N, C-alpha and C. Protein backbone atom coordinates (compact mmCIF):
# COMPACT_ATOMS: atom_id res chain seq x y z
N MET A 1 20.62 26.42 25.62
CA MET A 1 21.26 25.50 24.73
C MET A 1 20.85 24.05 25.02
N LYS A 2 20.70 23.71 26.31
CA LYS A 2 20.27 22.37 26.66
C LYS A 2 18.89 22.07 26.10
N PHE A 3 17.99 23.07 26.17
CA PHE A 3 16.64 22.88 25.64
C PHE A 3 16.68 22.60 24.14
N PHE A 4 17.50 23.36 23.42
CA PHE A 4 17.63 23.18 21.97
C PHE A 4 18.13 21.77 21.65
N SER A 5 19.12 21.33 22.38
CA SER A 5 19.68 19.99 22.19
C SER A 5 18.63 18.92 22.47
N PHE A 6 17.88 19.10 23.55
CA PHE A 6 16.81 18.18 23.90
C PHE A 6 15.74 18.17 22.80
N PHE A 7 15.38 19.33 22.30
CA PHE A 7 14.36 19.48 21.26
C PHE A 7 14.79 18.74 19.99
N ILE A 8 16.03 18.89 19.57
CA ILE A 8 16.55 18.22 18.37
C ILE A 8 16.53 16.71 18.58
N THR A 9 16.92 16.25 19.76
CA THR A 9 16.90 14.82 20.06
C THR A 9 15.48 14.26 19.94
N ILE A 10 14.50 14.96 20.45
CA ILE A 10 13.10 14.52 20.37
C ILE A 10 12.65 14.45 18.91
N ILE A 11 13.02 15.43 18.11
CA ILE A 11 12.63 15.43 16.70
C ILE A 11 13.22 14.21 16.00
N PHE A 12 14.51 13.93 16.19
CA PHE A 12 15.12 12.77 15.55
C PHE A 12 14.52 11.47 16.05
N LEU A 13 14.19 11.38 17.31
CA LEU A 13 13.55 10.19 17.85
C LEU A 13 12.20 9.98 17.20
N ASN A 14 11.41 11.03 17.07
CA ASN A 14 10.10 10.92 16.42
C ASN A 14 10.23 10.52 14.96
N ILE A 15 11.20 11.06 14.25
CA ILE A 15 11.41 10.69 12.86
C ILE A 15 11.79 9.22 12.75
N SER A 16 12.69 8.77 13.60
CA SER A 16 13.10 7.37 13.52
C SER A 16 11.97 6.43 13.90
N LEU A 17 11.14 6.83 14.85
CA LEU A 17 9.98 6.00 15.19
C LEU A 17 8.99 5.95 14.04
N ALA A 18 8.77 7.06 13.36
CA ALA A 18 7.85 7.10 12.23
C ALA A 18 8.36 6.20 11.11
N VAL A 19 9.66 6.26 10.83
CA VAL A 19 10.23 5.44 9.77
C VAL A 19 10.15 3.97 10.15
N SER A 20 10.44 3.65 11.40
CA SER A 20 10.42 2.25 11.82
C SER A 20 9.00 1.69 11.91
N ALA A 21 7.99 2.55 11.85
CA ALA A 21 6.62 2.07 11.89
C ALA A 21 6.21 1.41 10.58
N THR A 22 7.02 1.57 9.56
CA THR A 22 6.74 0.94 8.27
C THR A 22 6.87 -0.57 8.41
N ILE A 23 5.84 -1.27 7.98
CA ILE A 23 5.87 -2.73 8.03
C ILE A 23 6.63 -3.24 6.81
N LYS A 24 7.55 -4.13 7.04
CA LYS A 24 8.37 -4.69 5.97
C LYS A 24 7.79 -6.04 5.54
N PRO A 25 7.93 -6.37 4.26
CA PRO A 25 7.48 -7.69 3.80
C PRO A 25 8.22 -8.79 4.55
N ASN A 26 7.48 -9.84 4.85
CA ASN A 26 8.10 -11.03 5.42
C ASN A 26 7.23 -12.24 5.09
N PRO A 27 7.83 -13.41 5.03
CA PRO A 27 7.10 -14.62 4.62
C PRO A 27 5.94 -15.01 5.53
N ASN A 28 5.87 -14.46 6.73
CA ASN A 28 4.79 -14.80 7.65
C ASN A 28 3.48 -14.06 7.36
N LEU A 29 3.52 -13.07 6.49
CA LEU A 29 2.31 -12.32 6.15
C LEU A 29 1.56 -13.02 5.02
N ALA A 30 0.29 -13.27 5.25
CA ALA A 30 -0.57 -13.91 4.25
C ALA A 30 -0.98 -12.90 3.18
N PRO A 31 -1.40 -13.37 2.01
CA PRO A 31 -1.79 -12.47 0.93
C PRO A 31 -2.83 -11.43 1.33
N ARG A 32 -3.86 -11.83 2.03
CA ARG A 32 -4.90 -10.88 2.46
C ARG A 32 -4.32 -9.83 3.41
N GLN A 33 -3.40 -10.23 4.27
CA GLN A 33 -2.76 -9.28 5.19
C GLN A 33 -1.98 -8.21 4.42
N VAL A 34 -1.32 -8.62 3.35
CA VAL A 34 -0.55 -7.68 2.53
C VAL A 34 -1.48 -6.61 1.96
N VAL A 35 -2.61 -7.05 1.41
CA VAL A 35 -3.58 -6.11 0.84
C VAL A 35 -4.13 -5.21 1.95
N SER A 36 -4.44 -5.78 3.08
CA SER A 36 -4.98 -5.02 4.20
C SER A 36 -3.99 -3.97 4.70
N ILE A 37 -2.74 -4.33 4.81
CA ILE A 37 -1.70 -3.38 5.25
C ILE A 37 -1.66 -2.19 4.29
N GLN A 38 -1.69 -2.46 3.00
CA GLN A 38 -1.63 -1.40 2.01
C GLN A 38 -2.88 -0.52 2.07
N LEU A 39 -4.03 -1.12 2.17
CA LEU A 39 -5.28 -0.34 2.21
C LEU A 39 -5.36 0.54 3.45
N ARG A 40 -5.00 -0.01 4.60
CA ARG A 40 -5.03 0.79 5.83
C ARG A 40 -4.05 1.95 5.76
N ALA A 41 -2.90 1.69 5.15
CA ALA A 41 -1.90 2.75 5.01
C ALA A 41 -2.41 3.86 4.09
N LEU A 42 -3.03 3.50 2.98
CA LEU A 42 -3.56 4.50 2.06
C LEU A 42 -4.74 5.25 2.68
N GLN A 43 -5.49 4.56 3.50
CA GLN A 43 -6.63 5.17 4.19
C GLN A 43 -6.15 6.29 5.12
N LYS A 44 -5.01 6.10 5.74
CA LYS A 44 -4.43 7.08 6.67
C LYS A 44 -3.13 7.61 6.08
N ASN A 45 -3.12 7.95 4.82
CA ASN A 45 -1.92 8.25 4.05
C ASN A 45 -0.94 9.21 4.73
N ASP A 46 -1.41 10.23 5.36
CA ASP A 46 -0.52 11.24 5.92
C ASP A 46 -0.19 11.04 7.39
N VAL A 47 -0.39 9.84 7.91
CA VAL A 47 -0.08 9.52 9.31
C VAL A 47 1.02 8.46 9.31
N PRO A 48 2.13 8.67 9.94
CA PRO A 48 2.50 9.74 10.85
C PRO A 48 3.17 10.94 10.17
N TYR A 49 3.36 10.88 8.85
CA TYR A 49 3.96 11.99 8.09
C TYR A 49 3.37 11.96 6.68
N PRO A 50 3.50 13.03 5.92
CA PRO A 50 2.89 13.08 4.58
C PRO A 50 3.35 11.93 3.68
N ASN A 51 2.36 11.29 3.07
CA ASN A 51 2.57 10.18 2.12
C ASN A 51 3.19 8.92 2.74
N ALA A 52 3.07 8.78 4.04
CA ALA A 52 3.56 7.56 4.69
C ALA A 52 2.81 6.34 4.15
N GLY A 53 1.53 6.50 3.84
CA GLY A 53 0.73 5.39 3.30
C GLY A 53 1.21 4.96 1.93
N ILE A 54 1.59 5.91 1.11
CA ILE A 54 2.11 5.57 -0.22
C ILE A 54 3.45 4.85 -0.07
N GLU A 55 4.28 5.31 0.85
CA GLU A 55 5.56 4.64 1.11
C GLU A 55 5.32 3.20 1.58
N GLN A 56 4.35 3.03 2.47
CA GLN A 56 4.04 1.68 2.96
C GLN A 56 3.58 0.79 1.81
N THR A 57 2.76 1.33 0.95
CA THR A 57 2.26 0.57 -0.20
C THR A 57 3.42 0.18 -1.11
N TRP A 58 4.35 1.09 -1.33
CA TRP A 58 5.53 0.82 -2.16
C TRP A 58 6.36 -0.32 -1.58
N GLU A 59 6.44 -0.41 -0.25
CA GLU A 59 7.18 -1.50 0.40
C GLU A 59 6.68 -2.87 -0.05
N PHE A 60 5.38 -2.96 -0.33
CA PHE A 60 4.77 -4.24 -0.69
C PHE A 60 4.51 -4.37 -2.19
N ALA A 61 5.15 -3.52 -2.99
CA ALA A 61 5.06 -3.67 -4.44
C ALA A 61 6.05 -4.74 -4.89
N HIS A 62 5.57 -5.65 -5.71
CA HIS A 62 6.39 -6.73 -6.25
C HIS A 62 7.51 -6.12 -7.11
N PRO A 63 8.70 -6.71 -7.13
CA PRO A 63 9.79 -6.16 -7.95
C PRO A 63 9.40 -5.94 -9.43
N VAL A 64 8.59 -6.81 -9.98
CA VAL A 64 8.12 -6.63 -11.36
C VAL A 64 7.23 -5.39 -11.45
N ASN A 65 6.37 -5.21 -10.46
CA ASN A 65 5.49 -4.02 -10.41
C ASN A 65 6.35 -2.76 -10.31
N LYS A 66 7.38 -2.79 -9.48
CA LYS A 66 8.24 -1.62 -9.31
C LYS A 66 8.95 -1.23 -10.60
N LYS A 67 9.27 -2.22 -11.44
CA LYS A 67 9.92 -1.92 -12.71
C LYS A 67 9.01 -1.08 -13.60
N PHE A 68 7.71 -1.33 -13.53
CA PHE A 68 6.76 -0.61 -14.39
C PHE A 68 6.27 0.69 -13.78
N THR A 69 6.19 0.75 -12.44
CA THR A 69 5.60 1.93 -11.80
C THR A 69 6.63 2.84 -11.14
N GLY A 70 7.85 2.36 -11.01
CA GLY A 70 8.87 3.13 -10.29
C GLY A 70 9.62 4.08 -11.18
N PRO A 71 10.53 4.82 -10.55
CA PRO A 71 10.94 4.80 -9.15
C PRO A 71 9.84 5.34 -8.22
N PHE A 72 10.15 5.39 -6.94
CA PHE A 72 9.14 5.75 -5.96
C PHE A 72 8.45 7.07 -6.28
N GLU A 73 9.19 8.06 -6.70
CA GLU A 73 8.60 9.38 -6.98
C GLU A 73 7.53 9.27 -8.06
N ARG A 74 7.78 8.47 -9.07
CA ARG A 74 6.80 8.25 -10.15
C ARG A 74 5.57 7.50 -9.61
N PHE A 75 5.83 6.47 -8.82
CA PHE A 75 4.75 5.70 -8.20
C PHE A 75 3.87 6.61 -7.35
N SER A 76 4.51 7.45 -6.55
CA SER A 76 3.78 8.37 -5.68
C SER A 76 2.88 9.31 -6.48
N LEU A 77 3.39 9.86 -7.56
CA LEU A 77 2.58 10.73 -8.42
C LEU A 77 1.42 9.97 -9.06
N MET A 78 1.68 8.72 -9.44
CA MET A 78 0.62 7.89 -10.03
C MET A 78 -0.54 7.73 -9.04
N ILE A 79 -0.21 7.53 -7.78
CA ILE A 79 -1.24 7.37 -6.76
C ILE A 79 -1.94 8.71 -6.49
N GLN A 80 -1.18 9.77 -6.35
CA GLN A 80 -1.74 11.07 -5.97
C GLN A 80 -2.53 11.75 -7.07
N GLN A 81 -2.18 11.49 -8.34
CA GLN A 81 -2.79 12.24 -9.43
C GLN A 81 -3.64 11.38 -10.35
N GLY A 82 -3.53 10.10 -10.26
CA GLY A 82 -4.27 9.23 -11.16
C GLY A 82 -5.56 8.73 -10.55
N GLY A 83 -6.12 7.71 -11.16
CA GLY A 83 -7.37 7.11 -10.69
C GLY A 83 -7.26 6.49 -9.31
N TYR A 84 -6.03 6.21 -8.90
CA TYR A 84 -5.82 5.58 -7.60
C TYR A 84 -5.92 6.57 -6.44
N LYS A 85 -5.99 7.87 -6.73
CA LYS A 85 -6.01 8.86 -5.65
C LYS A 85 -7.23 8.72 -4.75
N LYS A 86 -8.27 8.07 -5.25
CA LYS A 86 -9.46 7.87 -4.41
C LYS A 86 -9.21 6.88 -3.28
N LEU A 87 -8.11 6.13 -3.38
CA LEU A 87 -7.72 5.25 -2.28
C LEU A 87 -7.22 6.05 -1.07
N LEU A 88 -6.70 7.23 -1.34
CA LEU A 88 -6.15 8.07 -0.26
C LEU A 88 -7.28 8.63 0.58
N GLY A 89 -7.26 8.30 1.84
CA GLY A 89 -8.27 8.82 2.77
C GLY A 89 -9.63 8.18 2.62
N HIS A 90 -9.71 7.01 1.98
CA HIS A 90 -11.02 6.38 1.83
C HIS A 90 -11.61 6.03 3.21
N LYS A 91 -12.92 5.96 3.28
CA LYS A 91 -13.61 5.75 4.56
C LYS A 91 -13.59 4.30 5.02
N SER A 92 -13.77 3.38 4.07
CA SER A 92 -13.81 1.96 4.44
C SER A 92 -13.44 1.11 3.23
N HIS A 93 -13.11 -0.13 3.51
CA HIS A 93 -12.78 -1.07 2.43
C HIS A 93 -13.17 -2.49 2.84
N LYS A 94 -13.34 -3.31 1.81
CA LYS A 94 -13.66 -4.72 2.02
C LYS A 94 -12.84 -5.52 1.02
N ILE A 95 -12.27 -6.62 1.48
CA ILE A 95 -11.41 -7.46 0.66
C ILE A 95 -12.07 -8.83 0.50
N ASP A 96 -12.34 -9.22 -0.76
CA ASP A 96 -12.94 -10.52 -1.05
C ASP A 96 -12.05 -11.30 -2.00
N LEU A 97 -11.80 -12.55 -1.68
CA LEU A 97 -11.00 -13.41 -2.54
C LEU A 97 -11.78 -13.73 -3.81
N ILE A 98 -11.14 -13.55 -4.96
CA ILE A 98 -11.74 -13.95 -6.24
C ILE A 98 -11.27 -15.35 -6.59
N THR A 99 -9.96 -15.51 -6.65
CA THR A 99 -9.38 -16.81 -6.98
C THR A 99 -7.95 -16.85 -6.45
N ARG A 100 -7.41 -18.05 -6.38
CA ARG A 100 -6.05 -18.20 -5.90
C ARG A 100 -5.41 -19.41 -6.54
N SER A 101 -4.10 -19.38 -6.55
CA SER A 101 -3.30 -20.53 -6.96
C SER A 101 -2.18 -20.65 -5.94
N LYS A 102 -1.26 -21.53 -6.18
CA LYS A 102 -0.18 -21.74 -5.22
C LYS A 102 0.64 -20.46 -4.98
N ASN A 103 0.85 -19.69 -6.05
CA ASN A 103 1.73 -18.53 -5.94
C ASN A 103 1.07 -17.20 -6.27
N GLU A 104 -0.25 -17.17 -6.44
CA GLU A 104 -0.90 -15.92 -6.80
C GLU A 104 -2.34 -15.89 -6.26
N TYR A 105 -2.72 -14.72 -5.75
CA TYR A 105 -4.08 -14.49 -5.24
C TYR A 105 -4.66 -13.27 -5.94
N PHE A 106 -5.96 -13.35 -6.27
CA PHE A 106 -6.68 -12.21 -6.83
C PHE A 106 -7.80 -11.84 -5.87
N PHE A 107 -7.84 -10.57 -5.50
CA PHE A 107 -8.86 -10.08 -4.59
C PHE A 107 -9.69 -9.00 -5.26
N ASN A 108 -10.96 -8.97 -4.94
CA ASN A 108 -11.81 -7.84 -5.28
C ASN A 108 -11.81 -6.94 -4.05
N VAL A 109 -11.41 -5.70 -4.25
CA VAL A 109 -11.38 -4.74 -3.15
C VAL A 109 -12.42 -3.67 -3.46
N SER A 110 -13.35 -3.50 -2.54
CA SER A 110 -14.32 -2.41 -2.67
C SER A 110 -14.00 -1.38 -1.60
N ILE A 111 -14.07 -0.13 -2.03
CA ILE A 111 -13.83 0.95 -1.08
C ILE A 111 -15.00 1.93 -1.13
N VAL A 112 -15.18 2.64 -0.04
CA VAL A 112 -16.09 3.78 0.00
C VAL A 112 -15.20 5.00 0.21
N THR A 113 -15.27 5.92 -0.75
CA THR A 113 -14.42 7.11 -0.69
C THR A 113 -14.95 8.09 0.34
N ASP A 114 -14.16 9.13 0.57
CA ASP A 114 -14.60 10.17 1.50
C ASP A 114 -15.84 10.90 0.99
N LEU A 115 -16.14 10.78 -0.31
CA LEU A 115 -17.36 11.38 -0.88
C LEU A 115 -18.49 10.36 -1.01
N LYS A 116 -18.33 9.22 -0.33
CA LYS A 116 -19.32 8.15 -0.28
C LYS A 116 -19.55 7.48 -1.64
N GLU A 117 -18.54 7.51 -2.48
CA GLU A 117 -18.58 6.82 -3.77
C GLU A 117 -18.02 5.42 -3.56
N LYS A 118 -18.66 4.41 -4.15
CA LYS A 118 -18.19 3.04 -4.02
C LYS A 118 -17.41 2.67 -5.27
N LEU A 119 -16.17 2.23 -5.07
CA LEU A 119 -15.29 1.86 -6.17
C LEU A 119 -14.74 0.45 -5.94
N PHE A 120 -14.37 -0.19 -7.05
CA PHE A 120 -13.86 -1.55 -7.01
C PHE A 120 -12.50 -1.62 -7.70
N PHE A 121 -11.59 -2.39 -7.11
CA PHE A 121 -10.27 -2.64 -7.66
C PHE A 121 -10.02 -4.14 -7.63
N GLU A 122 -9.24 -4.64 -8.57
CA GLU A 122 -8.72 -6.00 -8.47
C GLU A 122 -7.29 -5.88 -7.98
N TRP A 123 -6.98 -6.57 -6.91
CA TRP A 123 -5.66 -6.50 -6.28
C TRP A 123 -5.01 -7.86 -6.50
N HIS A 124 -3.89 -7.92 -7.23
CA HIS A 124 -3.20 -9.17 -7.52
C HIS A 124 -1.94 -9.25 -6.66
N VAL A 125 -1.83 -10.33 -5.93
CA VAL A 125 -0.70 -10.54 -5.02
C VAL A 125 0.01 -11.82 -5.44
N LYS A 126 1.32 -11.74 -5.53
CA LYS A 126 2.12 -12.87 -5.99
C LYS A 126 3.26 -13.15 -5.03
N LYS A 127 3.58 -14.42 -4.87
CA LYS A 127 4.71 -14.81 -4.02
C LYS A 127 6.01 -14.60 -4.78
N VAL A 128 6.96 -13.97 -4.11
CA VAL A 128 8.27 -13.69 -4.70
C VAL A 128 9.14 -14.94 -4.55
N ARG A 129 9.88 -15.23 -5.60
CA ARG A 129 10.82 -16.35 -5.58
C ARG A 129 12.23 -15.87 -5.86
N LYS A 130 13.15 -16.27 -5.03
CA LYS A 130 14.58 -16.01 -5.25
C LYS A 130 14.90 -14.54 -5.47
N GLU A 131 14.37 -13.66 -4.66
CA GLU A 131 14.64 -12.21 -4.72
C GLU A 131 15.27 -11.75 -3.41
N HIS A 132 16.52 -12.03 -3.22
CA HIS A 132 17.26 -11.54 -2.05
C HIS A 132 16.48 -11.77 -0.75
N ASN A 133 16.17 -10.70 -0.04
CA ASN A 133 15.48 -10.83 1.25
C ASN A 133 13.96 -10.92 1.11
N LEU A 134 13.44 -10.99 -0.11
CA LEU A 134 11.99 -11.05 -0.31
C LEU A 134 11.50 -12.47 -0.63
N ASP A 135 12.38 -13.45 -0.60
CA ASP A 135 12.01 -14.82 -0.94
C ASP A 135 10.83 -15.29 -0.09
N ASN A 136 9.81 -15.80 -0.76
CA ASN A 136 8.57 -16.32 -0.15
C ASN A 136 7.67 -15.25 0.45
N CYS A 137 7.90 -14.00 0.13
CA CYS A 137 7.01 -12.92 0.58
C CYS A 137 5.91 -12.71 -0.46
N TRP A 138 4.72 -12.40 0.02
CA TRP A 138 3.61 -12.04 -0.86
C TRP A 138 3.65 -10.54 -1.10
N LEU A 139 3.64 -10.15 -2.39
CA LEU A 139 3.72 -8.74 -2.75
C LEU A 139 2.72 -8.44 -3.86
N THR A 140 2.32 -7.19 -3.93
CA THR A 140 1.34 -6.77 -4.94
C THR A 140 2.01 -6.63 -6.29
N ILE A 141 1.49 -7.38 -7.26
CA ILE A 141 2.05 -7.33 -8.60
C ILE A 141 1.22 -6.43 -9.52
N ARG A 142 -0.07 -6.22 -9.17
CA ARG A 142 -0.92 -5.39 -10.03
C ARG A 142 -2.17 -4.99 -9.28
N VAL A 143 -2.60 -3.75 -9.52
CA VAL A 143 -3.90 -3.27 -9.05
C VAL A 143 -4.57 -2.61 -10.25
N THR A 144 -5.78 -3.05 -10.56
CA THR A 144 -6.47 -2.48 -11.71
C THR A 144 -6.95 -1.07 -11.38
N PRO A 145 -7.14 -0.24 -12.40
CA PRO A 145 -7.76 1.06 -12.16
C PRO A 145 -9.15 0.87 -11.57
N PRO A 146 -9.65 1.87 -10.86
CA PRO A 146 -10.94 1.72 -10.18
C PRO A 146 -12.11 1.65 -11.17
N LYS A 147 -13.12 0.90 -10.75
CA LYS A 147 -14.38 0.83 -11.48
C LYS A 147 -15.47 1.23 -10.49
N SER A 148 -16.44 1.98 -10.96
CA SER A 148 -17.56 2.32 -10.08
C SER A 148 -18.59 1.21 -10.16
N GLN A 149 -19.57 1.26 -9.28
CA GLN A 149 -20.61 0.24 -9.29
C GLN A 149 -21.46 0.31 -10.55
N TYR A 150 -21.32 1.40 -11.31
CA TYR A 150 -22.12 1.60 -12.51
C TYR A 150 -21.37 1.19 -13.79
N ASP A 151 -20.08 0.89 -13.67
CA ASP A 151 -19.31 0.47 -14.84
C ASP A 151 -19.78 -0.91 -15.27
N SER A 152 -19.87 -1.11 -16.59
CA SER A 152 -20.25 -2.42 -17.09
C SER A 152 -19.01 -3.28 -17.26
N ILE A 153 -19.21 -4.56 -17.28
CA ILE A 153 -18.08 -5.49 -17.42
C ILE A 153 -17.93 -5.85 -18.88
């Protein structure tokens, strides 16, 4: 019985550590850091548990973005089944600033998928104003569907 009790305690400890590993938005994170956190999470989506990367990405979705893509279950399906699924488990990524203003940054994100396909996304990050505990945090307001290097503009 003691072993069983010990085993259950270890499981709950591991679950709480996994949940606490999620990075929360805060005003000290720069726009590029927000994009990087999301990309690294999607790259390792199932670590430390299934779809942890999608959950991390959701944490940094702007409230306006969440209105259009949420609730979380819908957002998760959009990532897993739509054009964004190539972000899951991608091999590498590069973040380049396109333009910025006082409250908004646009980045070109290029990724190399696990099948060595190169794709491009525009990642739009906006500063939140007067939103409870998110005031002055940079959050993702939009990510364009992927374009391959062969797509015309």
